[in-house]
């Protein structure tokens, strides 16, 4: 009886440890938008999950959040866009690369029997479909890097963007007024007077009329 009890106890302990280990390794990521504009999230997996390897976009409004989860062996990854550009996180530097539909709802499937084929669906109701070879995608599609989240619970914060004025701050211009000395002006005036004097001196002077006498009467010649 004791042996049977010990066996059951050991089995229960093993199951509890296995379950706890599985739960702790599951991926659960909550992303919170603290910015002033909406963000858009796409999710991808290294191994297909719910028949998908990538899907998006999930809109998250300012002050809102959303939680994504997947089994640990799927290796979930995430792509976050704000104002058409990806948001990066320093702690996440490993990536999966999958195609995405730019600005449209999309789903990417990969058949299990052919790793070179991608089955694409996109549009508001996923009404557009295409089966393509890896690397050959229709217009409106582009490859993107999804950062791998890793196992366990995580919280990602998207903070407001810093503006240039807040980063650089106002700049002070120290421009001193230029003081002009009156003493420096006087020599210039004197120099101008001296120039006028020299010009006047250089001007030929008109000879004074000479008096000519004829018969004792002074004669002043008229100018020519």
N, C-alpha and C. Protein backbone atom coordinates (compact mmCIF):
# COMPACT_ATOMS: atom_id res chain seq x y z
N UNK A 1 0.83 -1.21 0.00
CA UNK A 1 0.00 0.00 0.00
C UNK A 1 0.87 1.26 0.00
N UNK A 2 1.87 1.22 0.88
CA UNK A 2 2.77 2.38 0.94
C UNK A 2 3.53 2.58 -0.37
N UNK A 3 3.92 1.46 -0.99
CA UNK A 3 4.64 1.55 -2.26
C UNK A 3 3.76 2.17 -3.34
N UNK A 4 2.49 1.75 -3.34
CA UNK A 4 1.56 2.31 -4.33
C UNK A 4 1.34 3.79 -4.09
N UNK A 5 1.22 4.18 -2.82
CA UNK A 5 1.01 5.58 -2.47
C UNK A 5 2.22 6.42 -2.89
N UNK A 6 3.42 5.86 -2.64
CA UNK A 6 4.62 6.59 -3.02
C UNK A 6 4.72 6.76 -4.54
N UNK A 7 4.29 5.74 -5.27
CA UNK A 7 4.32 5.82 -6.73
C UNK A 7 3.38 6.89 -7.24
N UNK A 8 2.19 6.96 -6.67
CA UNK A 8 1.23 7.98 -7.09
C UNK A 8 1.74 9.38 -6.74
N UNK A 9 2.35 9.48 -5.57
CA UNK A 9 2.89 10.78 -5.17
C UNK A 9 3.99 11.23 -6.11
N UNK A 10 4.86 10.31 -6.48
CA UNK A 10 5.96 10.65 -7.40
C UNK A 10 5.43 11.05 -8.77
N UNK A 11 4.38 10.34 -9.23
CA UNK A 11 3.79 10.65 -10.53
C UNK A 11 3.15 12.03 -10.53
N UNK A 12 2.43 12.37 -9.46
CA UNK A 12 1.81 13.68 -9.37
C UNK A 12 2.86 14.79 -9.32
N UNK A 13 3.93 14.55 -8.58
CA UNK A 13 5.00 15.54 -8.49
C UNK A 13 5.65 15.76 -9.86
N UNK A 14 5.85 14.67 -10.59
CA UNK A 14 6.45 14.79 -11.93
C UNK A 14 5.55 15.58 -12.87
N UNK A 15 4.24 15.32 -12.81
CA UNK A 15 3.30 16.03 -13.67
C UNK A 15 3.24 17.51 -13.32
N UNK A 16 3.32 17.82 -12.04
CA UNK A 16 3.28 19.21 -11.62
C UNK A 16 4.52 19.96 -12.09
N UNK A 17 5.66 19.31 -11.98
CA UNK A 17 6.91 19.94 -12.44
C UNK A 17 6.89 20.14 -13.95
N UNK A 18 6.42 19.12 -14.68
CA UNK A 18 6.37 19.23 -16.14
C UNK A 18 5.41 20.32 -16.57
N UNK A 19 4.26 20.39 -15.89
CA UNK A 19 3.27 21.41 -16.24
C UNK A 19 3.78 22.81 -15.93
N UNK A 20 4.42 22.96 -14.77
CA UNK A 20 4.95 24.26 -14.40
C UNK A 20 6.04 24.70 -15.36
N UNK A 21 6.87 23.75 -15.77
CA UNK A 21 7.92 24.09 -16.73
C UNK A 21 7.35 24.50 -18.06
N UNK A 22 6.28 23.83 -18.50
CA UNK A 22 5.66 24.16 -19.78
C UNK A 22 5.03 25.53 -19.73
N UNK A 23 4.35 25.86 -18.62
CA UNK A 23 3.68 27.14 -18.50
C UNK A 23 4.70 28.28 -18.45
N UNK A 24 5.79 28.08 -17.70
CA UNK A 24 6.77 29.14 -17.56
C UNK A 24 7.47 29.44 -18.87
N UNK A 25 7.52 28.46 -19.79
CA UNK A 25 8.20 28.66 -21.06
C UNK A 25 7.25 29.14 -22.15
N UNK A 26 5.97 29.25 -21.86
CA UNK A 26 5.02 29.74 -22.86
C UNK A 26 5.25 31.24 -23.09
N UNK A 27 4.99 31.66 -24.30
CA UNK A 27 5.19 33.07 -24.65
C UNK A 27 3.89 33.83 -24.46
N UNK A 28 3.96 34.91 -23.69
CA UNK A 28 2.81 35.80 -23.50
C UNK A 28 3.35 37.22 -23.45
N UNK A 29 2.98 38.02 -24.41
CA UNK A 29 3.49 39.39 -24.50
C UNK A 29 2.34 40.38 -24.51
N UNK A 30 2.42 41.34 -23.61
CA UNK A 30 1.45 42.43 -23.55
C UNK A 30 2.14 43.71 -24.02
N UNK A 31 1.59 44.33 -25.05
CA UNK A 31 2.18 45.56 -25.57
C UNK A 31 1.26 46.73 -25.24
N UNK A 32 1.84 47.77 -24.67
CA UNK A 32 1.07 48.93 -24.20
C UNK A 32 1.49 50.17 -24.99
N UNK A 33 0.51 50.91 -25.46
CA UNK A 33 0.77 52.10 -26.27
C UNK A 33 0.62 53.35 -25.40
N UNK A 34 1.75 53.97 -25.05
CA UNK A 34 1.74 55.20 -24.27
C UNK A 34 1.94 56.43 -25.16
N UNK A 35 1.96 56.22 -26.47
CA UNK A 35 2.16 57.34 -27.38
C UNK A 35 0.87 58.09 -27.67
N UNK A 36 0.97 59.03 -28.60
CA UNK A 36 -0.17 59.86 -28.97
C UNK A 36 -0.83 59.43 -30.28
N UNK A 37 -0.26 58.41 -30.94
CA UNK A 37 -0.81 57.92 -32.20
C UNK A 37 -0.98 56.40 -32.11
N UNK A 38 -1.84 55.82 -32.95
CA UNK A 38 -2.02 54.37 -32.91
C UNK A 38 -0.76 53.62 -33.34
N UNK A 39 -0.61 52.41 -32.87
CA UNK A 39 0.44 51.52 -33.33
C UNK A 39 -0.21 50.29 -33.95
N UNK A 40 0.54 49.61 -34.81
CA UNK A 40 0.02 48.43 -35.51
C UNK A 40 0.98 47.27 -35.30
N UNK A 41 0.42 46.13 -34.93
CA UNK A 41 1.23 44.97 -34.55
C UNK A 41 0.94 43.81 -35.48
N UNK A 42 2.01 43.12 -35.89
CA UNK A 42 1.90 41.87 -36.64
C UNK A 42 2.63 40.78 -35.86
N UNK A 43 2.14 39.56 -35.95
CA UNK A 43 2.69 38.43 -35.21
C UNK A 43 3.19 37.38 -36.19
N UNK A 44 4.29 36.73 -35.83
CA UNK A 44 4.85 35.65 -36.66
C UNK A 44 5.34 34.52 -35.77
N UNK A 45 5.55 33.35 -36.37
CA UNK A 45 6.03 32.17 -35.64
C UNK A 45 7.09 31.48 -36.48
N UNK A 46 8.06 30.90 -35.78
CA UNK A 46 9.06 30.10 -36.51
C UNK A 46 8.40 28.84 -37.08
N UNK A 47 7.50 28.27 -36.30
CA UNK A 47 6.77 27.08 -36.71
C UNK A 47 5.28 27.41 -36.75
N UNK A 48 4.59 26.93 -37.74
CA UNK A 48 3.20 27.29 -37.97
C UNK A 48 2.34 27.10 -36.72
N UNK A 49 1.50 28.10 -36.45
CA UNK A 49 0.58 28.05 -35.32
C UNK A 49 -0.80 28.46 -35.80
N UNK A 50 -1.78 27.61 -35.54
CA UNK A 50 -3.16 27.83 -36.02
C UNK A 50 -3.17 28.03 -37.54
N UNK A 51 -2.34 27.26 -38.21
CA UNK A 51 -2.22 27.24 -39.68
C UNK A 51 -1.61 28.52 -40.25
N UNK A 52 -0.97 29.34 -39.43
CA UNK A 52 -0.36 30.57 -39.90
C UNK A 52 1.11 30.63 -39.48
N UNK A 53 1.90 31.36 -40.27
CA UNK A 53 3.27 31.68 -39.85
C UNK A 53 3.42 33.19 -39.64
N UNK A 54 2.46 33.97 -40.11
CA UNK A 54 2.46 35.42 -39.88
C UNK A 54 1.06 35.96 -40.11
N UNK A 55 0.71 37.02 -39.35
CA UNK A 55 -0.60 37.64 -39.51
C UNK A 55 -0.56 39.05 -38.91
N UNK A 56 -1.42 39.92 -39.43
CA UNK A 56 -1.50 41.30 -38.94
C UNK A 56 -2.55 42.05 -39.75
N UNK A 57 -2.77 43.29 -39.56
CA UNK A 57 -2.21 44.11 -38.51
C UNK A 57 -3.25 44.30 -37.41
N UNK A 58 -2.80 44.38 -36.16
CA UNK A 58 -3.69 44.61 -35.03
C UNK A 58 -3.48 46.06 -34.56
N UNK A 59 -4.52 46.85 -34.64
CA UNK A 59 -4.43 48.27 -34.27
C UNK A 59 -4.61 48.43 -32.77
N UNK A 60 -3.70 49.20 -32.15
CA UNK A 60 -3.77 49.49 -30.72
C UNK A 60 -3.77 51.00 -30.55
N UNK A 61 -4.85 51.53 -30.03
CA UNK A 61 -4.99 52.97 -29.87
C UNK A 61 -4.14 53.49 -28.70
N UNK A 62 -3.89 54.80 -28.65
CA UNK A 62 -3.16 55.37 -27.52
C UNK A 62 -3.83 55.03 -26.19
N UNK A 63 -3.03 54.77 -25.19
CA UNK A 63 -3.44 54.38 -23.82
C UNK A 63 -4.06 52.99 -23.76
N UNK A 64 -4.05 52.25 -24.88
CA UNK A 64 -4.62 50.91 -24.90
C UNK A 64 -3.50 49.86 -24.93
N UNK A 65 -3.86 48.61 -24.68
CA UNK A 65 -2.90 47.51 -24.69
C UNK A 65 -3.56 46.26 -25.25
N UNK A 66 -2.71 45.28 -25.61
CA UNK A 66 -3.22 44.01 -26.12
C UNK A 66 -2.22 42.91 -25.79
N UNK A 67 -2.73 41.73 -25.48
CA UNK A 67 -1.88 40.60 -25.12
C UNK A 67 -1.93 39.53 -26.20
N UNK A 68 -0.76 39.03 -26.57
CA UNK A 68 -0.63 37.95 -27.55
C UNK A 68 0.07 36.78 -26.88
N UNK A 69 -0.34 35.56 -27.22
CA UNK A 69 0.26 34.39 -26.60
C UNK A 69 0.32 33.25 -27.60
N UNK A 70 1.23 32.31 -27.32
CA UNK A 70 1.40 31.12 -28.16
C UNK A 70 2.20 30.09 -27.38
N UNK A 71 2.07 28.82 -27.73
CA UNK A 71 2.88 27.79 -27.06
C UNK A 71 4.36 28.08 -27.24
N UNK A 72 5.14 27.66 -26.26
CA UNK A 72 6.56 27.97 -26.27
C UNK A 72 7.29 27.42 -27.48
N UNK A 73 6.86 26.27 -28.02
CA UNK A 73 7.60 25.66 -29.12
C UNK A 73 7.30 26.32 -30.48
N UNK A 74 6.40 27.31 -30.50
CA UNK A 74 6.09 28.01 -31.76
C UNK A 74 7.08 29.16 -32.01
N UNK A 75 7.75 29.63 -30.97
CA UNK A 75 8.69 30.75 -31.05
C UNK A 75 8.04 31.99 -31.68
N UNK A 76 7.17 32.60 -30.92
CA UNK A 76 6.43 33.76 -31.41
C UNK A 76 7.34 34.97 -31.54
N UNK A 77 7.09 35.75 -32.58
CA UNK A 77 7.83 36.99 -32.82
C UNK A 77 6.83 38.11 -33.13
N UNK A 78 7.31 39.34 -33.06
CA UNK A 78 6.41 40.48 -33.18
C UNK A 78 7.04 41.59 -34.03
N UNK A 79 6.18 42.31 -34.71
CA UNK A 79 6.58 43.49 -35.48
C UNK A 79 5.63 44.63 -35.10
N UNK A 80 6.20 45.77 -34.70
CA UNK A 80 5.40 46.92 -34.27
C UNK A 80 5.71 48.10 -35.18
N UNK A 81 4.67 48.71 -35.74
CA UNK A 81 4.83 49.88 -36.60
C UNK A 81 4.13 51.08 -35.98
N UNK A 82 4.81 52.23 -36.08
CA UNK A 82 4.21 53.51 -35.70
C UNK A 82 4.55 54.52 -36.79
N UNK A 83 3.51 55.17 -37.32
CA UNK A 83 3.69 56.14 -38.41
C UNK A 83 4.43 55.53 -39.59
N UNK A 84 4.15 54.25 -39.87
CA UNK A 84 4.75 53.59 -41.02
C UNK A 84 6.17 53.11 -40.83
N UNK A 85 6.72 53.24 -39.61
CA UNK A 85 8.10 52.81 -39.36
C UNK A 85 8.14 51.82 -38.20
N UNK A 86 9.07 50.85 -38.25
CA UNK A 86 9.15 49.85 -37.16
C UNK A 86 9.65 50.46 -35.86
N UNK A 87 9.11 49.98 -34.75
CA UNK A 87 9.56 50.36 -33.41
C UNK A 87 10.50 49.26 -32.91
N UNK A 88 11.67 49.65 -32.45
CA UNK A 88 12.68 48.68 -32.00
C UNK A 88 12.73 48.62 -30.48
N UNK A 89 13.17 47.47 -29.97
CA UNK A 89 13.32 47.25 -28.54
C UNK A 89 14.72 46.68 -28.30
N UNK A 90 15.45 47.32 -27.40
CA UNK A 90 16.86 46.98 -27.19
C UNK A 90 17.03 45.53 -26.76
N UNK A 91 16.13 45.00 -25.97
CA UNK A 91 16.29 43.65 -25.41
C UNK A 91 15.99 42.56 -26.43
N UNK A 92 15.46 42.90 -27.57
CA UNK A 92 15.08 41.90 -28.57
C UNK A 92 15.88 42.13 -29.85
N UNK A 93 16.91 41.30 -30.05
CA UNK A 93 17.82 41.48 -31.18
C UNK A 93 17.91 40.23 -32.07
N UNK A 94 17.01 39.27 -31.89
CA UNK A 94 16.92 38.10 -32.78
C UNK A 94 15.63 38.20 -33.57
N UNK A 95 15.71 37.81 -34.86
CA UNK A 95 14.58 38.10 -35.74
C UNK A 95 14.19 36.90 -36.60
N UNK A 96 12.91 36.91 -36.99
CA UNK A 96 12.38 36.02 -38.03
C UNK A 96 11.95 36.91 -39.19
N UNK A 97 12.20 36.45 -40.39
CA UNK A 97 11.83 37.25 -41.57
C UNK A 97 10.69 36.58 -42.32
N UNK A 98 9.57 37.32 -42.42
CA UNK A 98 8.40 36.84 -43.13
C UNK A 98 7.82 37.99 -43.96
N UNK A 99 7.08 37.65 -45.02
CA UNK A 99 6.44 38.71 -45.82
C UNK A 99 5.24 39.31 -45.10
N UNK A 100 4.98 40.58 -45.39
CA UNK A 100 3.82 41.28 -44.84
C UNK A 100 3.15 42.10 -45.94
N UNK A 101 1.85 42.28 -45.82
CA UNK A 101 1.13 43.18 -46.73
C UNK A 101 1.18 44.58 -46.14
N UNK A 102 1.65 45.53 -46.92
CA UNK A 102 1.84 46.89 -46.43
C UNK A 102 0.49 47.59 -46.30
N UNK A 103 0.14 47.95 -45.07
CA UNK A 103 -1.07 48.72 -44.83
C UNK A 103 -2.37 47.96 -45.01
N UNK A 104 -2.32 46.64 -45.05
CA UNK A 104 -3.54 45.84 -45.23
C UNK A 104 -3.52 44.64 -44.29
N UNK A 105 -4.69 44.19 -43.95
CA UNK A 105 -4.82 42.96 -43.18
C UNK A 105 -4.26 41.81 -44.01
N UNK A 106 -3.54 40.89 -43.37
CA UNK A 106 -2.92 39.80 -44.12
C UNK A 106 -2.74 38.55 -43.25
N UNK A 107 -2.56 37.44 -43.93
CA UNK A 107 -2.24 36.15 -43.29
C UNK A 107 -1.27 35.42 -44.22
N UNK A 108 -0.25 34.81 -43.65
CA UNK A 108 0.71 34.02 -44.42
C UNK A 108 0.70 32.59 -43.90
N UNK A 109 0.52 31.64 -44.81
CA UNK A 109 0.57 30.22 -44.47
C UNK A 109 1.73 29.56 -45.21
N UNK A 110 2.28 28.52 -44.61
CA UNK A 110 3.34 27.76 -45.26
C UNK A 110 2.95 26.29 -45.21
N UNK A 111 2.71 25.68 -46.38
CA UNK A 111 2.35 24.26 -46.39
C UNK A 111 3.45 23.42 -45.74
N UNK A 112 3.02 22.47 -44.94
CA UNK A 112 3.99 21.65 -44.23
C UNK A 112 4.86 20.79 -45.12
N UNK A 113 4.38 20.48 -46.33
CA UNK A 113 5.12 19.58 -47.20
C UNK A 113 6.05 20.32 -48.17
N UNK A 114 6.04 21.66 -48.16
CA UNK A 114 6.89 22.41 -49.08
C UNK A 114 7.27 23.74 -48.43
N UNK A 115 8.51 23.81 -47.95
CA UNK A 115 8.96 25.01 -47.25
C UNK A 115 9.26 26.18 -48.17
N UNK A 116 9.19 25.97 -49.49
CA UNK A 116 9.50 27.03 -50.44
C UNK A 116 8.24 27.74 -50.96
N UNK A 117 7.08 27.32 -50.51
CA UNK A 117 5.81 27.89 -50.98
C UNK A 117 5.19 28.74 -49.88
N UNK A 118 4.64 29.88 -50.26
CA UNK A 118 3.92 30.76 -49.33
C UNK A 118 2.52 30.98 -49.88
N UNK A 119 1.53 30.74 -49.03
CA UNK A 119 0.14 31.00 -49.41
C UNK A 119 -0.28 32.30 -48.73
N UNK A 120 -0.61 33.30 -49.56
CA UNK A 120 -0.89 34.64 -49.06
C UNK A 120 -2.38 34.96 -49.16
N UNK A 121 -2.86 35.65 -48.15
CA UNK A 121 -4.22 36.20 -48.17
C UNK A 121 -4.17 37.61 -47.62
N UNK A 122 -4.88 38.52 -48.27
CA UNK A 122 -4.85 39.91 -47.81
C UNK A 122 -6.12 40.63 -48.25
N UNK A 123 -6.32 41.82 -47.68
CA UNK A 123 -7.52 42.61 -47.93
C UNK A 123 -8.36 42.72 -46.67
N UNK A 124 -9.36 43.58 -46.72
CA UNK A 124 -10.20 43.80 -45.54
C UNK A 124 -10.83 42.52 -45.03
N UNK A 125 -11.27 41.68 -45.96
CA UNK A 125 -11.87 40.39 -45.59
C UNK A 125 -11.02 39.22 -46.06
N UNK A 126 -9.73 39.47 -46.28
CA UNK A 126 -8.81 38.45 -46.80
C UNK A 126 -9.33 37.86 -48.11
N UNK A 127 -9.88 38.74 -48.93
CA UNK A 127 -10.50 38.28 -50.17
C UNK A 127 -9.49 38.02 -51.28
N UNK A 128 -8.29 38.54 -51.16
CA UNK A 128 -7.25 38.32 -52.18
C UNK A 128 -6.36 37.16 -51.76
N UNK A 129 -6.03 36.30 -52.70
CA UNK A 129 -5.20 35.14 -52.39
C UNK A 129 -4.15 34.95 -53.48
N UNK A 130 -3.03 34.34 -53.08
CA UNK A 130 -1.97 34.03 -54.04
C UNK A 130 -1.08 32.95 -53.44
N UNK A 131 -0.69 32.01 -54.27
CA UNK A 131 0.28 30.98 -53.87
C UNK A 131 1.57 31.26 -54.64
N UNK A 132 2.65 31.59 -53.92
CA UNK A 132 3.88 32.04 -54.57
C UNK A 132 5.06 31.26 -54.02
N UNK A 133 6.16 31.34 -54.77
CA UNK A 133 7.41 30.78 -54.32
C UNK A 133 8.08 31.75 -53.34
N UNK A 134 8.83 31.22 -52.44
CA UNK A 134 9.55 32.03 -51.47
C UNK A 134 10.40 33.08 -52.17
N UNK A 135 10.24 34.34 -51.77
CA UNK A 135 11.01 35.43 -52.36
C UNK A 135 10.34 36.11 -53.53
N UNK A 136 9.22 35.59 -54.00
CA UNK A 136 8.51 36.17 -55.14
C UNK A 136 7.10 36.58 -54.67
N UNK A 137 6.96 37.87 -54.35
CA UNK A 137 5.71 38.33 -53.75
C UNK A 137 5.03 39.37 -54.64
N UNK A 138 3.71 39.44 -54.60
CA UNK A 138 2.98 40.41 -55.43
C UNK A 138 3.19 41.84 -54.94
N UNK A 139 2.74 42.80 -55.75
CA UNK A 139 2.84 44.21 -55.37
C UNK A 139 2.08 44.46 -54.07
N UNK A 140 2.66 45.31 -53.24
CA UNK A 140 2.03 45.60 -51.95
C UNK A 140 2.51 44.72 -50.84
N UNK A 141 3.45 43.82 -51.14
CA UNK A 141 4.03 42.93 -50.12
C UNK A 141 5.51 43.23 -49.98
N UNK A 142 6.03 43.01 -48.77
CA UNK A 142 7.46 43.24 -48.52
C UNK A 142 7.92 42.36 -47.36
N UNK A 143 9.18 41.97 -47.40
CA UNK A 143 9.75 41.20 -46.29
C UNK A 143 9.99 42.11 -45.09
N UNK A 144 9.78 41.58 -43.90
CA UNK A 144 9.97 42.36 -42.68
C UNK A 144 10.60 41.48 -41.61
N UNK A 145 11.30 42.11 -40.68
CA UNK A 145 11.95 41.41 -39.58
C UNK A 145 11.09 41.49 -38.32
N UNK A 146 10.66 40.34 -37.84
CA UNK A 146 9.90 40.22 -36.59
C UNK A 146 10.88 39.87 -35.47
N UNK A 147 10.88 40.62 -34.39
CA UNK A 147 11.80 40.30 -33.29
C UNK A 147 11.20 39.17 -32.43
N UNK A 148 12.06 38.20 -32.10
CA UNK A 148 11.64 37.03 -31.33
C UNK A 148 11.45 37.45 -29.87
N UNK A 149 10.33 37.06 -29.29
CA UNK A 149 10.00 37.48 -27.94
C UNK A 149 10.67 36.63 -26.87
N UNK A 150 10.77 35.33 -27.11
CA UNK A 150 11.30 34.45 -26.07
C UNK A 150 10.19 33.97 -25.16
N UNK A 151 10.49 32.93 -24.38
CA UNK A 151 9.48 32.32 -23.52
C UNK A 151 9.20 33.18 -22.29
N UNK A 152 8.02 32.97 -21.73
CA UNK A 152 7.65 33.67 -20.51
C UNK A 152 6.78 34.89 -20.77
N UNK A 153 6.32 35.50 -19.66
CA UNK A 153 5.48 36.69 -19.76
C UNK A 153 6.35 37.93 -19.91
N UNK A 154 5.92 38.79 -20.80
CA UNK A 154 6.67 40.01 -21.05
C UNK A 154 5.71 41.18 -21.23
N UNK A 155 6.24 42.36 -20.95
CA UNK A 155 5.47 43.59 -21.18
C UNK A 155 6.32 44.54 -21.99
N UNK A 156 5.76 45.02 -23.09
CA UNK A 156 6.46 45.93 -23.98
C UNK A 156 5.74 47.28 -23.95
N UNK A 157 6.51 48.34 -23.76
CA UNK A 157 5.95 49.69 -23.69
C UNK A 157 6.41 50.50 -24.90
N UNK A 158 5.45 51.08 -25.60
CA UNK A 158 5.76 52.01 -26.69
C UNK A 158 5.52 53.41 -26.15
N UNK A 159 6.62 54.14 -25.95
CA UNK A 159 6.55 55.47 -25.34
C UNK A 159 6.42 56.56 -26.38
N UNK A 160 6.00 57.75 -25.96
CA UNK A 160 5.86 58.86 -26.93
C UNK A 160 7.20 59.20 -27.56
N UNK A 161 7.14 59.66 -28.80
CA UNK A 161 8.35 60.08 -29.48
C UNK A 161 8.80 61.44 -28.97
N UNK A 162 10.09 61.60 -28.77
CA UNK A 162 10.64 62.88 -28.33
C UNK A 162 10.73 63.82 -29.51
N UNK A 163 10.33 65.07 -29.30
CA UNK A 163 10.42 66.07 -30.36
C UNK A 163 11.79 66.72 -30.35
N UNK A 164 12.13 67.35 -31.45
CA UNK A 164 13.45 67.95 -31.57
C UNK A 164 13.65 69.07 -30.55
N UNK A 165 12.58 69.83 -30.25
CA UNK A 165 12.74 70.93 -29.31
C UNK A 165 13.01 70.44 -27.90
N UNK A 166 12.42 69.29 -27.55
CA UNK A 166 12.64 68.75 -26.22
C UNK A 166 14.03 68.15 -26.10
N UNK A 167 14.55 67.64 -27.18
CA UNK A 167 15.86 67.00 -27.13
C UNK A 167 16.96 68.05 -27.15
N UNK A 168 16.89 68.98 -28.08
CA UNK A 168 17.96 69.95 -28.23
C UNK A 168 17.84 71.09 -27.24
N UNK A 169 16.61 71.54 -26.95
CA UNK A 169 16.41 72.65 -26.05
C UNK A 169 16.69 73.98 -26.75
N UNK A 170 16.19 75.06 -26.18
CA UNK A 170 16.43 76.37 -26.82
C UNK A 170 17.90 76.74 -26.74
N UNK A 171 18.39 77.35 -27.79
CA UNK A 171 19.78 77.77 -27.83
C UNK A 171 19.88 79.28 -27.62
N UNK A 172 20.86 79.72 -26.83
CA UNK A 172 21.06 81.13 -26.53
C UNK A 172 22.15 81.68 -27.44
N UNK A 173 21.85 82.77 -28.07
CA UNK A 173 22.82 83.41 -28.96
C UNK A 173 23.41 84.61 -28.23
N UNK A 174 24.68 84.55 -27.89
CA UNK A 174 25.37 85.64 -27.21
C UNK A 174 26.04 86.54 -28.24
N UNK A 175 25.30 87.50 -28.73
CA UNK A 175 25.84 88.43 -29.72
C UNK A 175 25.97 89.80 -29.08
N UNK A 176 27.20 90.28 -28.95
CA UNK A 176 27.44 91.57 -28.31
C UNK A 176 27.34 92.69 -29.35
N UNK A 177 26.72 93.82 -28.98
CA UNK A 177 26.63 94.94 -29.94
C UNK A 177 28.02 95.51 -30.22
N UNK A 178 28.23 95.91 -31.43
CA UNK A 178 29.51 96.48 -31.84
C UNK A 178 29.52 97.97 -31.52
N UNK A 179 30.51 98.38 -30.72
CA UNK A 179 30.62 99.78 -30.31
C UNK A 179 31.59 100.49 -31.25
N UNK A 180 31.15 101.55 -31.82
CA UNK A 180 31.98 102.34 -32.73
C UNK A 180 32.51 103.55 -31.98
N UNK A 181 33.81 103.71 -31.93
CA UNK A 181 34.43 104.83 -31.23
C UNK A 181 34.38 106.08 -32.10
N UNK A 182 34.03 107.18 -31.46
CA UNK A 182 34.00 108.44 -32.21
C UNK A 182 35.39 108.89 -32.58
N UNK A 183 36.35 108.47 -31.75
CA UNK A 183 37.73 108.87 -32.04
C UNK A 183 38.22 108.30 -33.36
N UNK A 184 37.69 107.12 -33.68
CA UNK A 184 38.14 106.49 -34.92
C UNK A 184 37.54 107.15 -36.15
N UNK A 185 36.49 107.97 -35.93
CA UNK A 185 35.86 108.63 -37.07
C UNK A 185 36.57 109.93 -37.43
N UNK A 186 37.10 110.63 -36.41
CA UNK A 186 37.70 111.94 -36.63
C UNK A 186 38.83 111.92 -37.64
N UNK A 187 39.79 110.96 -37.51
CA UNK A 187 40.86 110.97 -38.51
C UNK A 187 40.34 110.84 -39.93
N UNK A 188 39.25 110.13 -40.11
CA UNK A 188 38.70 109.97 -41.45
C UNK A 188 38.19 111.30 -41.98
N UNK A 189 37.55 112.11 -41.10
CA UNK A 189 37.06 113.41 -41.52
C UNK A 189 38.23 114.34 -41.86
N UNK A 190 39.26 114.28 -41.00
CA UNK A 190 40.44 115.11 -41.26
C UNK A 190 41.09 114.73 -42.56
N UNK A 191 41.10 113.41 -42.78
CA UNK A 191 41.70 112.92 -44.02
C UNK A 191 40.90 113.42 -45.21
N UNK A 192 39.57 113.47 -45.07
CA UNK A 192 38.74 113.96 -46.17
C UNK A 192 39.02 115.43 -46.44
N UNK A 193 39.20 116.22 -45.34
CA UNK A 193 39.50 117.63 -45.53
C UNK A 193 40.83 117.83 -46.21
N UNK A 194 41.81 117.00 -45.79
CA UNK A 194 43.13 117.13 -46.39
C UNK A 194 43.09 116.79 -47.87
N UNK A 195 42.24 115.81 -48.22
CA UNK A 195 42.10 115.45 -49.64
C UNK A 195 41.51 116.61 -50.43
N UNK A 196 40.52 117.27 -49.82
CA UNK A 196 39.93 118.42 -50.51
C UNK A 196 40.95 119.53 -50.69
N UNK A 197 41.77 119.69 -49.64
CA UNK A 197 42.80 120.73 -49.72
C UNK A 197 43.80 120.42 -50.80
N UNK A 198 44.16 119.12 -50.90
CA UNK A 198 45.14 118.74 -51.91
C UNK A 198 44.56 118.91 -53.30
N UNK A 199 43.26 118.62 -53.44
CA UNK A 199 42.62 118.81 -54.75
C UNK A 199 42.59 120.28 -55.13
N UNK A 200 42.29 121.10 -54.11
CA UNK A 200 42.25 122.53 -54.38
C UNK A 200 43.62 123.07 -54.76
N UNK A 201 44.64 122.49 -54.08
CA UNK A 201 46.00 122.94 -54.37
C UNK A 201 46.44 122.53 -55.75
N UNK A 202 45.94 121.36 -56.19
CA UNK A 202 46.36 120.87 -57.50
C UNK A 202 45.67 121.59 -58.64
N UNK A 203 44.55 122.30 -58.37
CA UNK A 203 43.79 122.97 -59.42
C UNK A 203 44.58 124.17 -59.94
N UNK A 204 44.76 124.26 -61.22
CA UNK A 204 45.54 125.39 -61.75
C UNK A 204 44.84 126.72 -61.47
N UNK A 205 45.62 127.68 -61.04
CA UNK A 205 45.07 129.00 -60.71
C UNK A 205 45.09 129.91 -61.94
N UNK A 206 44.05 130.71 -62.04
CA UNK A 206 43.95 131.65 -63.17
C UNK A 206 44.86 132.86 -62.93
N UNK A 207 45.62 133.13 -63.89
CA UNK A 207 46.55 134.25 -63.76
C UNK A 207 45.78 135.57 -63.67
N UNK A 208 46.27 136.42 -62.82
CA UNK A 208 45.65 137.73 -62.69
C UNK A 208 45.93 138.57 -63.94
N UNK A 209 44.97 139.30 -64.38
CA UNK A 209 45.20 140.11 -65.60
C UNK A 209 46.30 141.14 -65.35
N UNK A 210 47.14 141.25 -66.31
CA UNK A 210 48.23 142.22 -66.24
C UNK A 210 47.77 143.56 -66.84
N UNK A 211 48.15 144.58 -66.16
CA UNK A 211 47.80 145.92 -66.64
C UNK A 211 48.82 146.36 -67.69
N UNK A 212 48.27 146.75 -68.75
CA UNK A 212 49.14 147.30 -69.80
C UNK A 212 48.86 148.80 -69.94
N UNK A 213 49.89 149.53 -70.05
CA UNK A 213 49.72 150.98 -70.17
C UNK A 213 50.03 151.43 -71.58
N UNK A 214 49.22 152.28 -72.06
CA UNK A 214 49.42 152.80 -73.41
C UNK A 214 49.02 154.28 -73.40
N UNK A 215 49.99 154.99 -73.61
CA UNK A 215 49.74 156.44 -73.60
C UNK A 215 49.35 156.94 -72.24
N UNK A 216 49.85 156.26 -71.18
CA UNK A 216 49.54 156.68 -69.82
C UNK A 216 48.19 156.24 -69.35
N UNK A 217 47.44 155.47 -70.19
CA UNK A 217 46.09 154.99 -69.79
C UNK A 217 46.17 153.49 -69.55
N UNK A 218 45.67 153.06 -68.41
CA UNK A 218 45.69 151.62 -68.08
C UNK A 218 44.67 150.90 -68.92
N UNK A 219 45.10 149.77 -69.55
CA UNK A 219 44.22 148.97 -70.39
C UNK A 219 44.07 147.56 -69.78
N UNK A 220 42.87 147.15 -69.50
CA UNK A 220 42.60 145.80 -68.97
C UNK A 220 42.10 144.94 -70.10
N UNK A 221 42.88 143.96 -70.53
CA UNK A 221 42.42 143.12 -71.65
C UNK A 221 41.19 142.27 -71.31
N UNK A 222 40.26 142.15 -72.20
CA UNK A 222 39.06 141.29 -71.97
C UNK A 222 39.43 139.82 -72.07
N UNK A 223 38.75 139.01 -71.34
CA UNK A 223 39.06 137.54 -71.44
C UNK A 223 38.71 136.99 -72.82
N UNK A 224 39.53 136.08 -73.30
CA UNK A 224 39.33 135.51 -74.64
C UNK A 224 38.11 134.58 -74.63
